PDB file of N, CA and C in Angstrom:
ATOM      1  N   MET A   1       0.868  -1.144  -0.015  1.00  0.00           N
ATOM      2  CA  MET A   1       0.031   0.032  -0.017  1.00  0.00           C
ATOM      3  C   MET A   1       0.890   1.206  -0.032  1.00  0.00           C
ATOM      4  N   ALA A   2       0.609   2.176  -0.855  1.00  0.00           N
ATOM      5  CA  ALA A   2       1.405   3.394  -0.972  1.00  0.00           C
ATOM      6  C   ALA A   2       1.257   4.201   0.280  1.00  0.00           C
ATOM      7  N   GLU A   3       2.304   4.937   0.668  1.00  0.00           N
ATOM      8  CA  GLU A   3       2.263   5.722   1.928  1.00  0.00           C
ATOM      9  C   GLU A   3       1.111   6.679   1.891  1.00  0.00           C
ATOM     10  N   GLU A   4       0.807   7.277   0.752  1.00  0.00           N
ATOM     11  CA  GLU A   4      -0.298   8.222   0.644  1.00  0.00           C
ATOM     12  C   GLU A   4      -1.618   7.558   1.023  1.00  0.00           C
ATOM     13  N   VAL A   5      -1.768   6.359   0.564  1.00  0.00           N
ATOM     14  CA  VAL A   5      -3.024   5.597   0.856  1.00  0.00           C
ATOM     15  C   VAL A   5      -3.116   5.321   2.378  1.00  0.00           C
ATOM     16  N   LYS A   6      -1.983   5.028   3.013  1.00  0.00           N
ATOM     17  CA  LYS A   6      -1.982   4.722   4.448  1.00  0.00           C
ATOM     18  C   LYS A   6      -2.446   6.022   5.236  1.00  0.00           C
ATOM     19  N   VAL A   7      -1.897   7.158   4.770  1.00  0.00           N
ATOM     20  CA  VAL A   7      -2.241   8.423   5.358  1.00  0.00           C
ATOM     21  C   VAL A   7      -3.743   8.699   5.253  1.00  0.00           C
ATOM     22  N   LEU A   8      -4.274   8.504   4.098  1.00  0.00           N
ATOM     23  CA  LEU A   8      -5.684   8.775   3.860  1.00  0.00           C
ATOM     24  C   LEU A   8      -6.571   7.836   4.641  1.00  0.00           C
ATOM     25  N   CYS A   9      -6.180   6.551   4.786  1.00  0.00           N
ATOM     26  CA  CYS A   9      -6.930   5.606   5.536  1.00  0.00           C
ATOM     27  C   CYS A   9      -6.917   5.947   7.047  1.00  0.00           C
ATOM     28  N   ALA A  10      -5.758   6.387   7.537  1.00  0.00           N
ATOM     29  CA  ALA A  10      -5.626   6.769   8.924  1.00  0.00           C
ATOM     30  C   ALA A  10      -6.561   7.938   9.167  1.00  0.00           C
ATOM     31  N   PHE A  11      -6.558   8.946   8.283  1.00  0.00           N
ATOM     32  CA  PHE A  11      -7.399  10.163   8.426  1.00  0.00           C
ATOM     33  C   PHE A  11      -8.883   9.763   8.409  1.00  0.00           C
ATOM     34  N   ARG A  12      -9.243   8.891   7.508  1.00  0.00           N
ATOM     35  CA  ARG A  12     -10.622   8.437   7.427  1.00  0.00           C
ATOM     36  C   ARG A  12     -11.021   7.771   8.744  1.00  0.00           C
ATOM     37  N   ASP A  13     -10.205   6.886   9.222  1.00  0.00           N
ATOM     38  CA  ASP A  13     -10.543   6.082  10.445  1.00  0.00           C
ATOM     39  C   ASP A  13     -10.578   7.035  11.701  1.00  0.00           C
ATOM     40  N   LYS A  14      -9.683   7.939  11.749  1.00  0.00           N
ATOM     41  CA  LYS A  14      -9.575   8.757  13.028  1.00  0.00           C
ATOM     42  C   LYS A  14     -10.532  10.010  12.954  1.00  0.00           C
ATOM     43  N   TYR A  15     -10.664  10.680  11.821  1.00  0.00           N
ATOM     44  CA  TYR A  15     -11.387  11.956  11.780  1.00  0.00           C
ATOM     45  C   TYR A  15     -12.704  11.876  11.059  1.00  0.00           C
ATOM     46  N   LEU A  16     -12.939  10.927  10.194  1.00  0.00           N
ATOM     47  CA  LEU A  16     -14.233  10.858   9.507  1.00  0.00           C
ATOM     48  C   LEU A  16     -15.199   9.848  10.016  1.00  0.00           C
ATOM     49  N   LEU A  17     -14.778   8.664  10.132  1.00  0.00           N
ATOM     50  CA  LEU A  17     -15.719   7.562  10.501  1.00  0.00           C
ATOM     51  C   LEU A  17     -16.374   7.731  11.928  1.00  0.00           C
ATOM     52  N   PRO A  18     -15.751   8.369  12.922  1.00  0.00           N
ATOM     53  CA  PRO A  18     -16.376   8.527  14.197  1.00  0.00           C
ATOM     54  C   PRO A  18     -17.589   9.432  14.213  1.00  0.00           C
ATOM     55  N   PHE A  19     -17.795  10.194  13.160  1.00  0.00           N
ATOM     56  CA  PHE A  19     -18.861  11.232  13.125  1.00  0.00           C
ATOM     57  C   PHE A  19     -19.866  10.913  11.972  1.00  0.00           C
ATOM     58  N   PRO A  20     -21.155  11.189  12.201  1.00  0.00           N
ATOM     59  CA  PRO A  20     -22.114  10.917  11.112  1.00  0.00           C
ATOM     60  C   PRO A  20     -21.826  11.724   9.810  1.00  0.00           C
ATOM     61  N   ALA A  21     -21.407  12.925   9.896  1.00  0.00           N
ATOM     62  CA  ALA A  21     -21.152  13.704   8.632  1.00  0.00           C
ATOM     63  C   ALA A  21     -19.918  13.074   7.960  1.00  0.00           C
ATOM     64  N   GLY A  22     -18.953  12.680   8.732  1.00  0.00           N
ATOM     65  CA  GLY A  22     -17.762  12.034   8.124  1.00  0.00           C
ATOM     66  C   GLY A  22     -18.082  10.742   7.517  1.00  0.00           C
ATOM     67  N   ARG A  23     -18.958   9.932   8.156  1.00  0.00           N
ATOM     68  CA  ARG A  23     -19.364   8.677   7.560  1.00  0.00           C
ATOM     69  C   ARG A  23     -20.136   8.956   6.280  1.00  0.00           C
ATOM     70  N   ALA A  24     -20.916   9.972   6.256  1.00  0.00           N
ATOM     71  CA  ALA A  24     -21.639  10.273   4.981  1.00  0.00           C
ATOM     72  C   ALA A  24     -20.683  10.652   3.846  1.00  0.00           C
ATOM     73  N   VAL A  25     -19.640  11.391   4.155  1.00  0.00           N
ATOM     74  CA  VAL A  25     -18.599  11.753   3.120  1.00  0.00           C
ATOM     75  C   VAL A  25     -17.938  10.461   2.618  1.00  0.00           C
ATOM     76  N   VAL A  26     -17.588   9.564   3.517  1.00  0.00           N
ATOM     77  CA  VAL A  26     -16.911   8.313   3.160  1.00  0.00           C
ATOM     78  C   VAL A  26     -17.870   7.513   2.258  1.00  0.00           C
ATOM     79  N   ASN A  27     -19.178   7.473   2.670  1.00  0.00           N
ATOM     80  CA  ASN A  27     -20.100   6.712   1.864  1.00  0.00           C
ATOM     81  C   ASN A  27     -20.314   7.241   0.509  1.00  0.00           C
ATOM     82  N   VAL A  28     -20.306   8.563   0.331  1.00  0.00           N
ATOM     83  CA  VAL A  28     -20.401   9.180  -1.053  1.00  0.00           C
ATOM     84  C   VAL A  28     -19.160   8.858  -1.843  1.00  0.00           C
ATOM     85  N   TYR A  29     -18.027   8.901  -1.153  1.00  0.00           N
ATOM     86  CA  TYR A  29     -16.749   8.567  -1.862  1.00  0.00           C
ATOM     87  C   TYR A  29     -16.836   7.137  -2.360  1.00  0.00           C
ATOM     88  N   TYR A  30     -17.203   6.168  -1.531  1.00  0.00           N
ATOM     89  CA  TYR A  30     -17.204   4.729  -1.904  1.00  0.00           C
ATOM     90  C   TYR A  30     -18.242   4.484  -2.950  1.00  0.00           C
ATOM     91  N   TRP A  31     -19.303   5.287  -2.955  1.00  0.00           N
ATOM     92  CA  TRP A  31     -20.412   5.133  -3.941  1.00  0.00           C
ATOM     93  C   TRP A  31     -20.001   5.640  -5.331  1.00  0.00           C
ATOM     94  N   THR A  32     -19.233   6.822  -5.407  1.00  0.00           N
ATOM     95  CA  THR A  32     -18.899   7.433  -6.638  1.00  0.00           C
ATOM     96  C   THR A  32     -17.495   6.950  -7.158  1.00  0.00           C
ATOM     97  N   ARG A  33     -16.621   6.432  -6.301  1.00  0.00           N
ATOM     98  CA  ARG A  33     -15.303   6.045  -6.709  1.00  0.00           C
ATOM     99  C   ARG A  33     -15.228   5.114  -7.867  1.00  0.00           C
ATOM    100  N   PRO A  34     -16.043   3.985  -7.883  1.00  0.00           N
ATOM    101  CA  PRO A  34     -15.894   3.073  -9.011  1.00  0.00           C
ATOM    102  C   PRO A  34     -16.146   3.701 -10.385  1.00  0.00           C
ATOM    103  N   GLY A  35     -17.191   4.534 -10.466  1.00  0.00           N
ATOM    104  CA  GLY A  35     -17.487   5.164 -11.696  1.00  0.00           C
ATOM    105  C   GLY A  35     -16.406   6.162 -12.160  1.00  0.00           C
ATOM    106  N   VAL A  36     -15.873   6.910 -11.209  1.00  0.00           N
ATOM    107  CA  VAL A  36     -14.794   7.823 -11.560  1.00  0.00           C
ATOM    108  C   VAL A  36     -13.548   7.061 -11.997  1.00  0.00           C
ATOM    109  N   ALA A  37     -13.241   6.012 -11.262  1.00  0.00           N
ATOM    110  CA  ALA A  37     -12.071   5.189 -11.654  1.00  0.00           C
ATOM    111  C   ALA A  37     -12.220   4.541 -12.998  1.00  0.00           C
ATOM    112  N   ASP A  38     -13.393   4.063 -13.293  1.00  0.00           N
ATOM    113  CA  ASP A  38     -13.699   3.514 -14.713  1.00  0.00           C
ATOM    114  C   ASP A  38     -13.505   4.585 -15.764  1.00  0.00           C
ATOM    115  N   PHE A  39     -13.986   5.803 -15.469  1.00  0.00           N
ATOM    116  CA  PHE A  39     -13.953   6.848 -16.454  1.00  0.00           C
ATOM    117  C   PHE A  39     -12.492   7.281 -16.764  1.00  0.00           C
ATOM    118  N   ILE A  40     -11.630   7.383 -15.711  1.00  0.00           N
ATOM    119  CA  ILE A  40     -10.267   7.878 -15.979  1.00  0.00           C
ATOM    120  C   ILE A  40      -9.280   6.771 -16.179  1.00  0.00           C
ATOM    121  N   ARG A  41      -9.661   5.446 -16.179  1.00  0.00           N
ATOM    122  CA  ARG A  41      -8.774   4.330 -16.271  1.00  0.00           C
ATOM    123  C   ARG A  41      -7.811   4.467 -17.494  1.00  0.00           C
ATOM    124  N   ASP A  42      -8.306   4.873 -18.620  1.00  0.00           N
ATOM    125  CA  ASP A  42      -7.466   4.920 -19.829  1.00  0.00           C
ATOM    126  C   ASP A  42      -7.137   6.324 -20.228  1.00  0.00           C
ATOM    127  N   LYS A  43      -7.305   7.289 -19.283  1.00  0.00           N
ATOM    128  CA  LYS A  43      -7.048   8.717 -19.633  1.00  0.00           C
ATOM    129  C   LYS A  43      -5.859   9.194 -18.775  1.00  0.00           C
ATOM    130  N   GLU A  44      -4.681   9.058 -19.282  1.00  0.00           N
ATOM    131  CA  GLU A  44      -3.423   9.406 -18.547  1.00  0.00           C
ATOM    132  C   GLU A  44      -3.445  10.844 -18.089  1.00  0.00           C
ATOM    133  N   LEU A  45      -3.968  11.756 -18.949  1.00  0.00           N
ATOM    134  CA  LEU A  45      -3.943  13.179 -18.617  1.00  0.00           C
ATOM    135  C   LEU A  45      -4.819  13.409 -17.344  1.00  0.00           C
ATOM    136  N   LEU A  46      -6.003  12.850 -17.311  1.00  0.00           N
ATOM    137  CA  LEU A  46      -6.875  13.082 -16.147  1.00  0.00           C
ATOM    138  C   LEU A  46      -6.308  12.373 -14.927  1.00  0.00           C
ATOM    139  N   LYS A  47      -5.588  11.256 -15.006  1.00  0.00           N
ATOM    140  CA  LYS A  47      -4.981  10.596 -13.853  1.00  0.00           C
ATOM    141  C   LYS A  47      -3.835  11.502 -13.373  1.00  0.00           C
ATOM    142  N   ALA A  48      -3.068  12.091 -14.261  1.00  0.00           N
ATOM    143  CA  ALA A  48      -1.993  12.957 -13.873  1.00  0.00           C
ATOM    144  C   ALA A  48      -2.549  14.254 -13.148  1.00  0.00           C
ATOM    145  N   ILE A  49      -3.667  14.829 -13.667  1.00  0.00           N
ATOM    146  CA  ILE A  49      -4.217  15.948 -13.088  1.00  0.00           C
ATOM    147  C   ILE A  49      -4.790  15.609 -11.664  1.00  0.00           C
ATOM    148  N   GLY A  50      -5.416  14.491 -11.554  1.00  0.00           N
ATOM    149  CA  GLY A  50      -5.922  14.041 -10.256  1.00  0.00           C
ATOM    150  C   GLY A  50      -4.734  13.883  -9.215  1.00  0.00           C
ATOM    151  N   ARG A  51      -3.627  13.285  -9.603  1.00  0.00           N
ATOM    152  CA  ARG A  51      -2.544  13.130  -8.733  1.00  0.00           C
ATOM    153  C   ARG A  51      -1.959  14.497  -8.301  1.00  0.00           C
ATOM    154  N   LYS A  52      -1.911  15.458  -9.245  1.00  0.00           N
ATOM    155  CA  LYS A  52      -1.393  16.780  -8.946  1.00  0.00           C
ATOM    156  C   LYS A  52      -2.297  17.505  -8.007  1.00  0.00           C
ATOM    157  N   CYS A  53      -3.604  17.344  -8.179  1.00  0.00           N
ATOM    158  CA  CYS A  53      -4.610  18.029  -7.314  1.00  0.00           C
ATOM    159  C   CYS A  53      -4.589  17.439  -5.890  1.00  0.00           C
ATOM    160  N   PHE A  54      -4.454  16.138  -5.785  1.00  0.00           N
ATOM    161  CA  PHE A  54      -4.564  15.492  -4.498  1.00  0.00           C
ATOM    162  C   PHE A  54      -3.266  15.485  -3.689  1.00  0.00           C
ATOM    163  N   LYS A  55      -2.124  15.690  -4.333  1.00  0.00           N
ATOM    164  CA  LYS A  55      -0.914  15.619  -3.651  1.00  0.00           C
ATOM    165  C   LYS A  55      -0.804  16.661  -2.485  1.00  0.00           C
ATOM    166  N   PRO A  56      -1.153  17.948  -2.678  1.00  0.00           N
ATOM    167  CA  PRO A  56      -1.096  18.870  -1.577  1.00  0.00           C
ATOM    168  C   PRO A  56      -2.117  18.526  -0.493  1.00  0.00           C
ATOM    169  N   ILE A  57      -3.252  17.982  -0.824  1.00  0.00           N
ATOM    170  CA  ILE A  57      -4.244  17.561   0.153  1.00  0.00           C
ATOM    171  C   ILE A  57      -3.685  16.458   1.037  1.00  0.00           C
ATOM    172  N   VAL A  58      -3.050  15.444   0.387  1.00  0.00           N
ATOM    173  CA  VAL A  58      -2.524  14.340   1.081  1.00  0.00           C
ATOM    174  C   VAL A  58      -1.346  14.783   2.010  1.00  0.00           C
ATOM    175  N   LEU A  59      -0.544  15.732   1.525  1.00  0.00           N
ATOM    176  CA  LEU A  59       0.591  16.293   2.327  1.00  0.00           C
ATOM    177  C   LEU A  59       0.018  16.952   3.591  1.00  0.00           C
ATOM    178  N   MET A  60      -0.977  17.780   3.398  1.00  0.00           N
ATOM    179  CA  MET A  60      -1.612  18.506   4.470  1.00  0.00           C
ATOM    180  C   MET A  60      -2.212  17.538   5.515  1.00  0.00           C
ATOM    181  N   ILE A  61      -2.891  16.541   5.021  1.00  0.00           N
ATOM    182  CA  ILE A  61      -3.455  15.498   5.888  1.00  0.00           C
ATOM    183  C   ILE A  61      -2.357  14.758   6.618  1.00  0.00           C
ATOM    184  N   GLY A  62      -1.296  14.485   5.937  1.00  0.00           N
ATOM    185  CA  GLY A  62      -0.134  13.831   6.562  1.00  0.00           C
ATOM    186  C   GLY A  62       0.406  14.609   7.740  1.00  0.00           C
ATOM    187  N   LYS A  63       0.446  15.988   7.582  1.00  0.00           N
ATOM    188  CA  LYS A  63       0.981  16.790   8.680  1.00  0.00           C
ATOM    189  C   LYS A  63      -0.053  16.785   9.888  1.00  0.00           C
ATOM    190  N   ILE A  64      -1.364  16.695   9.574  1.00  0.00           N
ATOM    191  CA  ILE A  64      -2.339  16.649  10.625  1.00  0.00           C
ATOM    192  C   ILE A  64      -2.183  15.344  11.399  1.00  0.00           C
ATOM    193  N   MET A  65      -1.900  14.277  10.650  1.00  0.00           N
ATOM    194  CA  MET A  65      -1.824  12.895  11.267  1.00  0.00           C
ATOM    195  C   MET A  65      -0.588  12.675  12.101  1.00  0.00           C
ATOM    196  N   LYS A  66       0.414  13.564  12.005  1.00  0.00           N
ATOM    197  CA  LYS A  66       1.641  13.333  12.840  1.00  0.00           C
ATOM    198  C   LYS A  66       1.535  13.833  14.212  1.00  0.00           C
TER     199      LYS A  66
END
């Protein structure tokens, strides 16, 4: 598992899942993720844009988790 995924899982478990609103966000993510993943699967540009957009978010969450 990539380090970024570990950070996001820890954030989900500690800060989202304990609260109803956080659980709702997680549920929406899991509901929409397969469709988004299928859509960008063969689109390298969209995957690169997604990685660029999420990198600062993951870095910030990583700092919160330390």
